């Protein structure tokens, strides 16, 4: 298997990364997690495990080069044991999950990093780990998250070397504001941007041509989606390095695609 810091070249008859990787000694079960600027991130686990116990594989599909990254220390079983006294539904989603993102910009550097978010109920960030390919080690970051609901299912956008996520800020059970939060290389919040609408149902966050895009949906009283909108961030007046999310100046969003269904 490739060393954690280097990249092993492995050329085979097939150009499919999945097939090439599965032929390597030491590779067991793989699952595609994320992609960024031509690189693919796979989760790597032992057969029968319920999480990526063996860490990750980062692969360049064009060159068939790949590198193994060790596990960040994540083990959901250690969290679940602490909750054994609580009643749970066997068919429900596991209370603790992680979301791992690959960050790479070949125009700036040949190195990459992984941002590993440890969450409760798939929305509340409990901790962040960051891997740097240059050093080959994982680093634990001091948490700057305080109970916000992060819409990991809506995806993320890499803009200006920062990952952007949709976040719902709530007071009690009332939605206070829809925000875009950017995190830096160590997973700490460093930019907060007001969303295009104060309360909306985010569907997707992404980037195109270097611009942040936000897609939201509107539903009727029956829950049926009746409108889908795409917004592009034109300008922003969010705070840098602030953990306060109240009274944000409005960002400038351009509505690209209103679509009634």
C-alpha atoms as a PDB file:
ATOM      1  CA  UNK A   1       0.000   0.000   0.000  1.00  0.00           C
ATOM      2  CA  UNK A   2       1.177   3.534  -0.640  1.00  0.00           C
ATOM      3  CA  UNK A   3       2.773   5.409   2.201  1.00  0.00           C
ATOM      4  CA  UNK A   4       0.686   8.110   3.830  1.00  0.00           C
ATOM      5  CA  UNK A   5       2.898  10.954   2.605  1.00  0.00           C
ATOM      6  CA  UNK A   6       3.778   9.766  -0.882  1.00  0.00           C
ATOM      7  CA  UNK A   7       1.785   8.835  -3.937  1.00  0.00           C
ATOM      8  CA  UNK A   8       2.243   5.399  -5.402  1.00  0.00           C
ATOM      9  CA  UNK A   9       1.936   5.050  -9.152  1.00  0.00           C
ATOM     10  CA  UNK A  10      -0.121   2.043 -10.148  1.00  0.00           C
ATOM     11  CA  UNK A  11      -0.870   1.558 -13.812  1.00  0.00           C
ATOM     12  CA  UNK A  12      -3.155  -1.211 -14.935  1.00  0.00           C
ATOM     13  CA  UNK A  13      -5.055  -2.309 -17.987  1.00  0.00           C
ATOM     14  CA  UNK A  14      -8.202  -0.483 -16.882  1.00  0.00           C
ATOM     15  CA  UNK A  15      -8.445   3.286 -16.496  1.00  0.00           C
ATOM     16  CA  UNK A  16     -11.278   2.974 -13.963  1.00  0.00           C
ATOM     17  CA  UNK A  17      -9.896   4.072 -10.559  1.00  0.00           C
ATOM     18  CA  UNK A  18     -12.151   1.672  -8.686  1.00  0.00           C
ATOM     19  CA  UNK A  19     -10.851  -1.341 -10.622  1.00  0.00           C
ATOM     20  CA  UNK A  20      -7.216  -0.239 -10.334  1.00  0.00           C
ATOM     21  CA  UNK A  21      -7.441   0.289  -6.582  1.00  0.00           C
ATOM     22  CA  UNK A  22      -9.215  -2.990  -5.906  1.00  0.00           C
ATOM     23  CA  UNK A  23      -6.303  -4.826  -7.512  1.00  0.00           C
ATOM     24  CA  UNK A  24      -3.809  -3.408  -5.005  1.00  0.00           C
ATOM     25  CA  UNK A  25      -2.646  -5.493  -2.009  1.00  0.00           C
ATOM     26  CA  UNK A  26      -4.141  -4.327   1.268  1.00  0.00           C
ATOM     27  CA  UNK A  27      -7.151  -2.628  -0.324  1.00  0.00           C
ATOM     28  CA  UNK A  28     -10.446  -3.958   1.030  1.00  0.00           C
ATOM     29  CA  UNK A  29     -13.835  -2.213   0.713  1.00  0.00           C
ATOM     30  CA  UNK A  30     -14.065   1.247  -0.887  1.00  0.00           C
ATOM     31  CA  UNK A  31     -16.782   3.890  -1.126  1.00  0.00           C
ATOM     32  CA  UNK A  32     -16.652   7.158  -3.074  1.00  0.00           C
ATOM     33  CA  UNK A  33     -17.032  10.102  -0.669  1.00  0.00           C
ATOM     34  CA  UNK A  34     -16.024  13.299  -2.438  1.00  0.00           C
ATOM     35  CA  UNK A  35     -14.127  14.807  -5.356  1.00  0.00           C
ATOM     36  CA  UNK A  36     -12.229  18.039  -5.878  1.00  0.00           C
ATOM     37  CA  UNK A  37     -10.417  19.442  -8.911  1.00  0.00           C
ATOM     38  CA  UNK A  38      -9.700  16.091 -10.524  1.00  0.00           C
ATOM     39  CA  UNK A  39      -8.969  14.064  -7.378  1.00  0.00           C
ATOM     40  CA  UNK A  40     -11.268  11.423  -5.881  1.00  0.00           C
ATOM     41  CA  UNK A  41     -11.695  10.611  -2.190  1.00  0.00           C
ATOM     42  CA  UNK A  42     -12.635   7.057  -1.204  1.00  0.00           C
ATOM     43  CA  UNK A  43     -13.510   5.746   2.231  1.00  0.00           C
ATOM     44  CA  UNK A  44     -11.595   2.553   3.080  1.00  0.00           C
ATOM     45  CA  UNK A  45     -12.850  -0.076   5.503  1.00  0.00           C
ATOM     46  CA  UNK A  46     -12.435  -3.704   6.465  1.00  0.00           C
ATOM     47  CA  UNK A  47     -15.071  -6.101   5.193  1.00  0.00           C
ATOM     48  CA  UNK A  48     -17.966  -6.114   7.641  1.00  0.00           C
ATOM     49  CA  UNK A  49     -17.119  -2.785   9.299  1.00  0.00           C
ATOM     50  CA  UNK A  50     -19.785  -0.084   9.436  1.00  0.00           C
ATOM     51  CA  UNK A  51     -17.383   2.865   9.115  1.00  0.00           C
ATOM     52  CA  UNK A  52     -14.157   3.693   7.261  1.00  0.00           C
ATOM     53  CA  UNK A  53     -11.921   1.950   9.785  1.00  0.00           C
ATOM     54  CA  UNK A  54      -8.894   1.876   7.467  1.00  0.00           C
ATOM     55  CA  UNK A  55      -9.071   5.571   6.637  1.00  0.00           C
ATOM     56  CA  UNK A  56      -9.138   6.923   3.111  1.00  0.00           C
ATOM     57  CA  UNK A  57      -7.689   6.646  -0.375  1.00  0.00           C
ATOM     58  CA  UNK A  58      -7.046   9.747  -2.499  1.00  0.00           C
ATOM     59  CA  UNK A  59      -6.757   8.902  -6.184  1.00  0.00           C
ATOM     60  CA  UNK A  60      -5.875  10.777  -9.371  1.00  0.00           C
ATOM     61  CA  UNK A  61      -7.972   8.931 -11.985  1.00  0.00           C
ATOM     62  CA  UNK A  62      -6.099  10.368 -14.981  1.00  0.00           C
ATOM     63  CA  UNK A  63      -2.680   9.141 -13.823  1.00  0.00           C
ATOM     64  CA  UNK A  64      -3.923   6.213 -11.698  1.00  0.00           C
ATOM     65  CA  UNK A  65      -1.768   7.476  -8.834  1.00  0.00           C
ATOM     66  CA  UNK A  66      -3.102   7.106  -5.314  1.00  0.00           C
ATOM     67  CA  UNK A  67      -2.179   7.634  -1.684  1.00  0.00           C
ATOM     68  CA  UNK A  68      -3.478   6.046   1.508  1.00  0.00           C
ATOM     69  CA  UNK A  69      -4.536   8.290   4.391  1.00  0.00           C
ATOM     70  CA  UNK A  70      -4.946   6.779   7.884  1.00  0.00           C
ATOM     71  CA  UNK A  71      -8.153   7.033   9.882  1.00  0.00           C
ATOM     72  CA  UNK A  72      -8.515  10.290  11.824  1.00  0.00           C
ATOM     73  CA  UNK A  73      -9.375   8.396  15.005  1.00  0.00           C
ATOM     74  CA  UNK A  74     -13.086   8.262  14.261  1.00  0.00           C
ATOM     75  CA  UNK A  75     -14.909   5.293  15.770  1.00  0.00           C
ATOM     76  CA  UNK A  76     -18.690   5.698  16.090  1.00  0.00           C
ATOM     77  CA  UNK A  77     -18.836   2.712  18.439  1.00  0.00           C
ATOM     78  CA  UNK A  78     -17.080   4.728  21.149  1.00  0.00           C
ATOM     79  CA  UNK A  79     -19.817   7.371  20.920  1.00  0.00           C
ATOM     80  CA  UNK A  80     -22.646   4.865  20.775  1.00  0.00           C
ATOM     81  CA  UNK A  81     -21.438   3.063  23.901  1.00  0.00           C
ATOM     82  CA  UNK A  82     -21.939   6.291  25.818  1.00  0.00           C
ATOM     83  CA  UNK A  83     -25.563   6.356  24.640  1.00  0.00           C
ATOM     84  CA  UNK A  84     -26.400   2.724  25.409  1.00  0.00           C
ATOM     85  CA  UNK A  85     -28.710   3.768  28.237  1.00  0.00           C
ATOM     86  CA  UNK A  86     -30.829   5.789  25.807  1.00  0.00           C
ATOM     87  CA  UNK A  87     -33.642   4.109  23.899  1.00  0.00           C
ATOM     88  CA  UNK A  88     -33.047   4.041  20.165  1.00  0.00           C
ATOM     89  CA  UNK A  89     -34.771   2.752  17.068  1.00  0.00           C
ATOM     90  CA  UNK A  90     -32.731   0.014  15.394  1.00  0.00           C
ATOM     91  CA  UNK A  91     -33.861   1.257  11.977  1.00  0.00           C
ATOM     92  CA  UNK A  92     -33.026   4.910  12.621  1.00  0.00           C
ATOM     93  CA  UNK A  93     -29.941   6.756  11.415  1.00  0.00           C
ATOM     94  CA  UNK A  94     -26.893   6.375  13.674  1.00  0.00           C
ATOM     95  CA  UNK A  95     -26.707   9.327  16.087  1.00  0.00           C
ATOM     96  CA  UNK A  96     -23.049   9.985  15.268  1.00  0.00           C
ATOM     97  CA  UNK A  97     -21.733  10.401  11.743  1.00  0.00           C
ATOM     98  CA  UNK A  98     -18.791  12.019  10.052  1.00  0.00           C
ATOM     99  CA  UNK A  99     -18.513  13.940   6.797  1.00  0.00           C
ATOM    100  CA  UNK A 100     -15.128  14.120   5.098  1.00  0.00           C
ATOM    101  CA  UNK A 101     -14.169  16.590   2.366  1.00  0.00           C
ATOM    102  CA  UNK A 102     -11.217  16.691   0.009  1.00  0.00           C
ATOM    103  CA  UNK A 103      -9.649  20.092  -0.675  1.00  0.00           C
ATOM    104  CA  UNK A 104      -7.199  20.416  -3.551  1.00  0.00           C
ATOM    105  CA  UNK A 105      -6.106  23.203  -5.877  1.00  0.00           C
ATOM    106  CA  UNK A 106      -3.427  21.986  -8.313  1.00  0.00           C
ATOM    107  CA  UNK A 107      -2.936  25.539  -9.583  1.00  0.00           C
ATOM    108  CA  UNK A 108      -1.623  26.500  -6.140  1.00  0.00           C
ATOM    109  CA  UNK A 109      -0.038  23.327  -4.777  1.00  0.00           C
ATOM    110  CA  UNK A 110       0.294  19.615  -5.477  1.00  0.00           C
ATOM    111  CA  UNK A 111      -0.667  18.895  -1.863  1.00  0.00           C
ATOM    112  CA  UNK A 112      -4.184  18.277  -0.590  1.00  0.00           C
ATOM    113  CA  UNK A 113      -5.987  18.287   2.719  1.00  0.00           C
ATOM    114  CA  UNK A 114      -8.969  16.478   4.221  1.00  0.00           C
ATOM    115  CA  UNK A 115     -11.508  18.119   6.520  1.00  0.00           C
ATOM    116  CA  UNK A 116     -13.206  15.550   8.761  1.00  0.00           C
ATOM    117  CA  UNK A 117     -16.347  16.760  10.572  1.00  0.00           C
ATOM    118  CA  UNK A 118     -17.563  14.637  13.485  1.00  0.00           C
ATOM    119  CA  UNK A 119     -21.286  15.221  13.961  1.00  0.00           C
ATOM    120  CA  UNK A 120     -24.241  14.303  16.120  1.00  0.00           C
ATOM    121  CA  UNK A 121     -27.510  13.610  14.308  1.00  0.00           C
ATOM    122  CA  UNK A 122     -25.716  14.472  11.043  1.00  0.00           C
ATOM    123  CA  UNK A 123     -26.114  18.228  11.563  1.00  0.00           C
ATOM    124  CA  UNK A 124     -24.431  19.328  14.825  1.00  0.00           C
ATOM    125  CA  UNK A 125     -20.626  19.504  14.661  1.00  0.00           C
ATOM    126  CA  UNK A 126     -18.960  17.838  17.651  1.00  0.00           C
ATOM    127  CA  UNK A 127     -15.374  18.136  16.430  1.00  0.00           C
ATOM    128  CA  UNK A 128     -13.139  18.686  13.408  1.00  0.00           C
ATOM    129  CA  UNK A 129      -9.971  16.904  12.295  1.00  0.00           C
ATOM    130  CA  UNK A 130      -7.768  18.087   9.410  1.00  0.00           C
ATOM    131  CA  UNK A 131      -5.229  16.051   7.446  1.00  0.00           C
ATOM    132  CA  UNK A 132      -2.356  17.669   5.552  1.00  0.00           C
ATOM    133  CA  UNK A 133      -0.678  15.602   2.836  1.00  0.00           C
ATOM    134  CA  UNK A 134       2.502  17.669   3.147  1.00  0.00           C
ATOM    135  CA  UNK A 135       3.068  16.570   6.753  1.00  0.00           C
ATOM    136  CA  UNK A 136       1.121  13.313   6.620  1.00  0.00           C
ATOM    137  CA  UNK A 137      -0.592  13.881   9.969  1.00  0.00           C
ATOM    138  CA  UNK A 138      -4.060  14.630  11.348  1.00  0.00           C
ATOM    139  CA  UNK A 139      -4.575  17.727  13.512  1.00  0.00           C
ATOM    140  CA  UNK A 140      -7.417  18.351  15.946  1.00  0.00           C
ATOM    141  CA  UNK A 141      -9.002  21.790  15.744  1.00  0.00           C
ATOM    142  CA  UNK A 142     -10.571  23.754  18.566  1.00  0.00           C
ATOM    143  CA  UNK A 143     -14.296  23.732  17.938  1.00  0.00           C
ATOM    144  CA  UNK A 144     -15.920  27.025  16.962  1.00  0.00           C
ATOM    145  CA  UNK A 145     -19.336  25.447  16.421  1.00  0.00           C
ATOM    146  CA  UNK A 146     -22.086  26.032  18.961  1.00  0.00           C
ATOM    147  CA  UNK A 147     -25.092  23.980  17.959  1.00  0.00           C
ATOM    148  CA  UNK A 148     -25.859  25.346  14.505  1.00  0.00           C
ATOM    149  CA  UNK A 149     -27.578  22.924  12.142  1.00  0.00           C
ATOM    150  CA  UNK A 150     -25.238  22.328   9.199  1.00  0.00           C
ATOM    151  CA  UNK A 151     -26.897  21.079   6.005  1.00  0.00           C
ATOM    152  CA  UNK A 152     -24.196  18.559   5.057  1.00  0.00           C
ATOM    153  CA  UNK A 153     -26.712  16.782   2.815  1.00  0.00           C
ATOM    154  CA  UNK A 154     -26.901  19.920   0.648  1.00  0.00           C
ATOM    155  CA  UNK A 155     -23.244  19.588  -0.299  1.00  0.00           C
ATOM    156  CA  UNK A 156     -20.420  22.091  -0.067  1.00  0.00           C
ATOM    157  CA  UNK A 157     -18.561  24.549  -2.269  1.00  0.00           C
ATOM    158  CA  UNK A 158     -14.832  25.224  -2.400  1.00  0.00           C
ATOM    159  CA  UNK A 159     -14.373  28.938  -3.088  1.00  0.00           C
ATOM    160  CA  UNK A 160     -11.193  30.918  -2.314  1.00  0.00           C
ATOM    161  CA  UNK A 161      -9.661  27.821  -0.672  1.00  0.00           C
ATOM    162  CA  UNK A 162     -12.490  27.668   1.881  1.00  0.00           C
ATOM    163  CA  UNK A 163     -15.318  25.161   2.187  1.00  0.00           C
ATOM    164  CA  UNK A 164     -18.759  26.775   2.277  1.00  0.00           C
ATOM    165  CA  UNK A 165     -21.800  25.148   3.908  1.00  0.00           C
ATOM    166  CA  UNK A 166     -25.420  26.094   4.433  1.00  0.00           C
ATOM    167  CA  UNK A 167     -26.216  26.600   8.126  1.00  0.00           C
ATOM    168  CA  UNK A 168     -29.518  27.219   9.878  1.00  0.00           C
ATOM    169  CA  UNK A 169     -29.307  29.511  12.884  1.00  0.00           C
ATOM    170  CA  UNK A 170     -32.243  28.940  15.234  1.00  0.00           C
ATOM    171  CA  UNK A 171     -33.610  30.417  18.436  1.00  0.00           C
ATOM    172  CA  UNK A 172     -35.607  27.732  20.200  1.00  0.00           C
ATOM    173  CA  UNK A 173     -37.717  26.089  17.520  1.00  0.00           C
ATOM    174  CA  UNK A 174     -37.902  29.191  15.373  1.00  0.00           C
ATOM    175  CA  UNK A 175     -35.547  29.581  12.399  1.00  0.00           C
ATOM    176  CA  UNK A 176     -33.565  32.751  12.947  1.00  0.00           C
ATOM    177  CA  UNK A 177     -31.686  32.980   9.653  1.00  0.00           C
ATOM    178  CA  UNK A 178     -30.280  30.937   6.804  1.00  0.00           C
ATOM    179  CA  UNK A 179     -26.528  31.491   6.558  1.00  0.00           C
ATOM    180  CA  UNK A 180     -23.547  30.448   4.512  1.00  0.00           C
ATOM    181  CA  UNK A 181     -20.561  29.620   6.700  1.00  0.00           C
ATOM    182  CA  UNK A 182     -17.040  29.320   5.287  1.00  0.00           C
ATOM    183  CA  UNK A 183     -14.421  27.302   7.151  1.00  0.00           C
ATOM    184  CA  UNK A 184     -10.668  27.656   6.840  1.00  0.00           C
ATOM    185  CA  UNK A 185      -7.938  25.022   6.520  1.00  0.00           C
ATOM    186  CA  UNK A 186      -8.393  23.823  10.116  1.00  0.00           C
ATOM    187  CA  UNK A 187     -12.202  23.634   9.960  1.00  0.00           C
ATOM    188  CA  UNK A 188     -12.862  26.797  11.963  1.00  0.00           C
ATOM    189  CA  UNK A 189     -15.552  29.278  10.980  1.00  0.00           C
ATOM    190  CA  UNK A 190     -13.948  32.339   9.449  1.00  0.00           C
ATOM    191  CA  UNK A 191     -16.652  33.883   7.272  1.00  0.00           C
ATOM    192  CA  UNK A 192     -20.404  34.194   7.820  1.00  0.00           C
ATOM    193  CA  UNK A 193     -22.640  35.270   4.942  1.00  0.00           C
ATOM    194  CA  UNK A 194     -26.378  35.867   5.057  1.00  0.00           C
ATOM    195  CA  UNK A 195     -28.368  33.593   2.761  1.00  0.00           C
ATOM    196  CA  UNK A 196     -30.486  34.886  -0.136  1.00  0.00           C
ATOM    197  CA  UNK A 197     -33.656  34.503   1.926  1.00  0.00           C
ATOM    198  CA  UNK A 198     -34.069  34.615   5.684  1.00  0.00           C
ATOM    199  CA  UNK A 199     -35.921  31.308   5.882  1.00  0.00           C
ATOM    200  CA  UNK A 200     -35.678  28.813   3.060  1.00  0.00           C
ATOM    201  CA  UNK A 201     -35.263  25.121   2.374  1.00  0.00           C
ATOM    202  CA  UNK A 202     -31.757  24.695   0.999  1.00  0.00           C
ATOM    203  CA  UNK A 203     -31.374  22.013  -1.664  1.00  0.00           C
ATOM    204  CA  UNK A 204     -27.784  22.426  -2.819  1.00  0.00           C
ATOM    205  CA  UNK A 205     -24.645  24.509  -2.309  1.00  0.00           C
ATOM    206  CA  UNK A 206     -21.988  24.485  -5.038  1.00  0.00           C
ATOM    207  CA  UNK A 207     -19.650  26.561  -7.154  1.00  0.00           C
ATOM    208  CA  UNK A 208     -19.332  27.345 -10.823  1.00  0.00           C
ATOM    209  CA  UNK A 209     -16.677  29.501 -12.491  1.00  0.00           C
ATOM    210  CA  UNK A 210     -15.328  30.439  -9.083  1.00  0.00           C
ATOM    211  CA  UNK A 211     -18.678  31.750  -7.792  1.00  0.00           C
ATOM    212  CA  UNK A 212     -20.747  30.445  -4.898  1.00  0.00           C
ATOM    213  CA  UNK A 213     -24.159  29.076  -5.930  1.00  0.00           C
ATOM    214  CA  UNK A 214     -27.114  28.402  -3.649  1.00  0.00           C
ATOM    215  CA  UNK A 215     -30.215  26.430  -4.618  1.00  0.00           C
ATOM    216  CA  UNK A 216     -33.356  26.487  -2.500  1.00  0.00           C
ATOM    217  CA  UNK A 217     -36.877  25.182  -2.790  1.00  0.00           C
ATOM    218  CA  UNK A 218     -40.314  26.319  -1.669  1.00  0.00           C
ATOM    219  CA  UNK A 219     -43.100  23.933  -0.699  1.00  0.00           C
ATOM    220  CA  UNK A 220     -46.841  24.240  -0.292  1.00  0.00           C
ATOM    221  CA  UNK A 221     -48.844  23.185   2.760  1.00  0.00           C
ATOM    222  CA  UNK A 222     -48.786  19.555   1.648  1.00  0.00           C
ATOM    223  CA  UNK A 223     -44.994  19.486   1.402  1.00  0.00           C
ATOM    224  CA  UNK A 224     -44.942  19.444  -2.394  1.00  0.00           C
ATOM    225  CA  UNK A 225     -42.170  21.513  -3.979  1.00  0.00           C
ATOM    226  CA  UNK A 226     -43.687  24.336  -6.014  1.00  0.00           C
ATOM    227  CA  UNK A 227     -40.631  26.452  -6.835  1.00  0.00           C
ATOM    228  CA  UNK A 228     -36.901  25.939  -7.265  1.00  0.00           C
ATOM    229  CA  UNK A 229     -34.508  28.902  -7.272  1.00  0.00           C
ATOM    230  CA  UNK A 230     -30.793  29.247  -8.019  1.00  0.00           C
ATOM    231  CA  UNK A 231     -28.823  32.154  -6.584  1.00  0.00           C
ATOM    232  CA  UNK A 232     -25.271  33.375  -7.259  1.00  0.00           C
ATOM    233  CA  UNK A 233     -23.338  35.354  -4.666  1.00  0.00           C
ATOM    234  CA  UNK A 234     -22.297  38.706  -6.134  1.00  0.00           C
ATOM    235  CA  UNK A 235     -20.920  40.435  -3.055  1.00  0.00           C
ATOM    236  CA  UNK A 236     -20.934  39.855   0.674  1.00  0.00           C
ATOM    237  CA  UNK A 237     -20.543  41.834   3.880  1.00  0.00           C
ATOM    238  CA  UNK A 238     -20.141  38.953   6.298  1.00  0.00           C
ATOM    239  CA  UNK A 239     -17.867  39.081   9.295  1.00  0.00           C
ATOM    240  CA  UNK A 240     -14.457  37.451   9.346  1.00  0.00           C
ATOM    241  CA  UNK A 241     -13.545  35.424  12.396  1.00  0.00           C
ATOM    242  CA  UNK A 242     -16.787  36.216  14.227  1.00  0.00           C
ATOM    243  CA  UNK A 243     -18.808  33.553  16.001  1.00  0.00           C
ATOM    244  CA  UNK A 244     -21.806  35.879  16.434  1.00  0.00           C
ATOM    245  CA  UNK A 245     -24.541  35.257  13.908  1.00  0.00           C
ATOM    246  CA  UNK A 246     -27.061  38.000  14.681  1.00  0.00           C
ATOM    247  CA  UNK A 247     -27.835  41.136  12.684  1.00  0.00           C
ATOM    248  CA  UNK A 248     -25.683  40.271   9.692  1.00  0.00           C
ATOM    249  CA  UNK A 249     -25.645  42.794   6.852  1.00  0.00           C
ATOM    250  CA  UNK A 250     -27.318  41.369   3.776  1.00  0.00           C
ATOM    251  CA  UNK A 251     -25.169  39.784   1.105  1.00  0.00           C
ATOM    252  CA  UNK A 252     -25.823  40.582  -2.543  1.00  0.00           C
ATOM    253  CA  UNK A 253     -27.325  37.560  -4.298  1.00  0.00           C
ATOM    254  CA  UNK A 254     -28.438  37.398  -7.924  1.00  0.00           C
ATOM    255  CA  UNK A 255     -31.371  35.148  -8.726  1.00  0.00           C
ATOM    256  CA  UNK A 256     -30.304  33.143 -11.769  1.00  0.00           C
ATOM    257  CA  UNK A 257     -33.130  30.694 -12.212  1.00  0.00           C
ATOM    258  CA  UNK A 258     -36.644  31.060 -10.798  1.00  0.00           C
ATOM    259  CA  UNK A 259     -38.563  27.954 -11.795  1.00  0.00           C
ATOM    260  CA  UNK A 260     -42.168  27.205 -10.926  1.00  0.00           C
ATOM    261  CA  UNK A 261     -43.127  23.527 -10.939  1.00  0.00           C
END
